[in-house]
Amino acid sequence: MSRLDSMMRRLAAQRDGLEWGHAMVQGLAGDYVDMGLGNGRTYDHMREIAPDRRIWVIDRALNCHPSCVPPKEDFLEGEAEDMLKKLAADQQKLVLGHYDFGFGVKEKDVAEAARLSTLIATIMAPGGVLISGQPLVGFDQVRGPETVAPERYYFYRT
């Protein structure tokens, strides 16, 4: 598979996963979190499908498209571990999370996701949903939307 085809499949999985996750948490009160803002495409889609939800955003630096800059009070700039601890200290309990931290090196990305999983668990509400490009540890993995091939994206209930 070409890198272009792979990227297109990944983006479709993100979109379908976010929409599936949003539907799964409709009865739950709480905010959302986008872990890894990047260019802001995922955050922008989250705003579109959930305009009534607060969306926390974590990233090392603000480097997104100008149309995707989150409100200052919702953007946590810094290292993932520190920002997850900040959310936990503020007693945030989030119902939908999208995990997209990474360095672009598979082994390093998988190790970081495993390392951060315990901290992510501290900010998620019971019954919430996590959507992740990397495998997370300590959550109940579930089958996501039928449009997403297993192991292309990971889906969890908290």
Protein backbone atom coordinates (compact mmCIF):
# COMPACT_ATOMS: atom_id res chain seq x y z
CA MET A 1 0.00 0.00 0.00
CA SER A 2 1.37 3.42 -0.89
CA ARG A 3 1.94 5.98 1.84
CA LEU A 4 -0.80 8.11 0.25
CA ASP A 5 -3.31 5.25 0.42
CA SER A 6 -2.25 4.54 3.99
CA MET A 7 -2.75 8.17 5.01
CA MET A 8 -6.17 8.28 3.37
CA ARG A 9 -7.18 5.11 5.21
CA ARG A 10 -5.92 6.56 8.50
CA LEU A 11 -7.82 9.82 8.05
CA ALA A 12 -11.03 7.98 7.16
CA ALA A 13 -10.56 5.81 10.26
CA GLN A 14 -10.14 8.92 12.41
CA ARG A 15 -13.28 10.54 11.01
CA ASP A 16 -15.40 7.40 11.26
CA GLY A 17 -14.02 6.65 14.72
CA LEU A 18 -14.77 10.12 16.05
CA GLU A 19 -18.31 10.03 14.74
CA TRP A 20 -18.83 6.53 16.18
CA GLY A 21 -17.36 7.58 19.54
CA HIS A 22 -19.47 10.72 19.67
CA ALA A 23 -22.60 8.62 19.12
CA MET A 24 -21.50 6.15 21.83
CA VAL A 25 -21.28 8.83 24.55
CA GLN A 26 -24.48 10.74 23.81
CA GLY A 27 -26.00 9.89 27.19
CA LEU A 28 -22.91 10.90 29.16
CA ALA A 29 -22.15 14.38 30.47
CA GLY A 30 -18.58 15.54 30.10
CA ASP A 31 -15.94 17.12 27.95
CA TYR A 32 -13.80 15.73 25.11
CA VAL A 33 -10.02 15.74 24.70
CA ASP A 34 -7.82 15.75 21.60
CA MET A 35 -4.37 14.49 22.55
CA GLY A 36 -2.07 15.69 19.80
CA LEU A 37 -3.37 18.74 17.94
CA GLY A 38 -0.94 18.68 15.03
CA ASN A 39 -2.43 20.52 12.06
CA GLY A 40 -5.82 20.64 13.77
CA ARG A 41 -7.89 18.54 11.35
CA THR A 42 -9.14 16.11 14.02
CA TYR A 43 -9.88 18.91 16.47
CA ASP A 44 -11.79 20.76 13.74
CA HIS A 45 -13.90 17.67 13.06
CA MET A 46 -14.57 17.23 16.77
CA ARG A 47 -15.83 20.84 16.91
CA GLU A 48 -18.12 20.14 13.97
CA ILE A 49 -19.71 16.97 15.32
CA ALA A 50 -19.88 18.16 18.95
CA PRO A 51 -20.43 21.93 19.00
CA ASP A 52 -22.02 21.68 22.47
CA ARG A 53 -19.01 19.98 24.09
CA ARG A 54 -15.89 21.54 25.52
CA ILE A 55 -12.85 20.07 23.79
CA TRP A 56 -9.56 20.11 25.67
CA VAL A 57 -6.48 20.03 23.46
CA ILE A 58 -2.98 18.89 24.39
CA ASP A 59 0.16 19.37 22.32
CA ARG A 60 3.81 20.28 22.75
CA ALA A 61 3.38 23.43 20.68
CA LEU A 62 0.67 25.32 18.84
CA ASN A 63 1.45 24.66 15.16
CA CYS A 64 -2.00 24.12 13.69
CA HIS A 65 -3.80 25.77 10.79
CA PRO A 66 -5.04 29.24 11.84
CA SER A 67 -8.68 28.15 11.50
CA CYS A 68 -8.12 25.36 14.04
CA VAL A 69 -6.64 27.23 16.98
CA PRO A 70 -8.49 26.16 20.15
CA PRO A 71 -9.59 28.74 22.72
CA LYS A 72 -6.68 29.67 24.97
CA GLU A 73 -8.39 28.28 28.07
CA ASP A 74 -8.83 24.86 26.41
CA PHE A 75 -5.30 24.47 25.03
CA LEU A 76 -2.73 22.75 27.25
CA GLU A 77 0.71 23.38 25.78
CA GLY A 78 3.54 21.19 26.95
CA GLU A 79 4.67 17.62 27.29
CA ALA A 80 1.88 15.06 27.32
CA GLU A 81 2.67 13.65 30.74
CA ASP A 82 2.61 17.08 32.40
CA MET A 83 -0.61 18.14 30.66
CA LEU A 84 -2.42 14.88 31.50
CA LYS A 85 -1.38 15.37 35.13
CA LYS A 86 -2.75 18.92 35.01
CA LEU A 87 -6.12 17.68 33.74
CA ALA A 88 -6.16 15.01 36.44
CA ALA A 89 -5.29 17.55 39.15
CA ASP A 90 -8.19 19.71 37.93
CA GLN A 91 -10.37 16.58 38.36
CA GLN A 92 -11.44 16.53 34.75
CA LYS A 93 -13.45 13.46 33.76
CA LEU A 94 -13.70 13.28 30.01
CA VAL A 95 -16.13 11.12 28.04
CA LEU A 96 -14.40 11.06 24.63
CA GLY A 97 -10.69 11.07 23.95
CA HIS A 98 -8.71 10.95 20.75
CA TYR A 99 -5.09 9.85 21.14
CA ASP A 100 -2.69 10.97 18.40
CA PHE A 101 0.60 11.72 20.12
CA GLY A 102 3.63 10.46 18.31
CA PHE A 103 7.07 10.88 16.89
CA GLY A 104 6.51 9.03 13.61
CA VAL A 105 8.56 6.01 14.69
CA LYS A 106 6.23 3.06 15.33
CA GLU A 107 8.17 1.42 18.17
CA LYS A 108 8.65 4.74 19.95
CA ASP A 109 4.99 5.71 19.46
CA VAL A 110 3.70 2.38 20.81
CA ALA A 111 5.97 2.65 23.86
CA GLU A 112 4.82 6.21 24.58
CA ALA A 113 1.14 5.21 24.28
CA ALA A 114 1.68 2.38 26.74
CA ARG A 115 3.53 4.68 29.14
CA LEU A 116 0.82 7.37 29.02
CA SER A 117 -2.12 4.95 29.32
CA THR A 118 -2.19 5.07 33.13
CA LEU A 119 -2.37 8.87 33.09
CA ILE A 120 -5.06 8.84 30.42
CA ALA A 121 -7.10 6.53 32.63
CA THR A 122 -7.09 9.17 35.39
CA ILE A 123 -8.90 11.72 33.20
CA MET A 124 -11.50 9.46 31.58
CA ALA A 125 -15.02 9.05 32.95
CA PRO A 126 -16.51 5.58 33.41
CA GLY A 127 -18.25 4.51 30.20
CA GLY A 128 -16.23 6.92 28.09
CA VAL A 129 -14.66 6.16 24.74
CA LEU A 130 -11.05 6.38 23.58
CA ILE A 131 -10.09 6.41 19.92
CA SER A 132 -6.40 5.89 19.24
CA GLY A 133 -3.93 5.46 16.44
CA GLN A 134 -1.72 3.46 18.83
CA PRO A 135 -2.59 0.57 21.15
CA LEU A 136 -3.36 1.72 24.69
CA VAL A 137 -2.96 -0.41 27.82
CA GLY A 138 -5.46 -1.10 30.61
CA PHE A 139 -8.69 -0.29 28.77
CA ASP A 140 -11.40 -2.57 27.41
CA GLN A 141 -10.84 -2.76 23.66
CA VAL A 142 -14.06 -2.84 21.64
CA ARG A 143 -14.93 -3.18 18.00
CA GLY A 144 -15.26 0.28 16.51
CA PRO A 145 -17.16 1.24 13.39
CA GLU A 146 -17.49 -1.45 10.73
CA THR A 147 -15.84 0.88 8.20
CA VAL A 148 -12.52 0.67 10.07
CA ALA A 149 -10.37 -2.44 9.70
CA PRO A 150 -9.38 -4.05 13.01
CA GLU A 151 -5.96 -2.86 14.22
CA ARG A 152 -6.05 0.13 11.81
CA TYR A 153 -7.34 2.22 14.67
CA TYR A 154 -8.02 1.21 18.27
CA PHE A 155 -11.26 1.73 20.17
CA TYR A 156 -11.74 1.42 23.94
CA ARG A 157 -14.42 1.85 26.61
CA THR A 158 -13.29 3.27 29.91
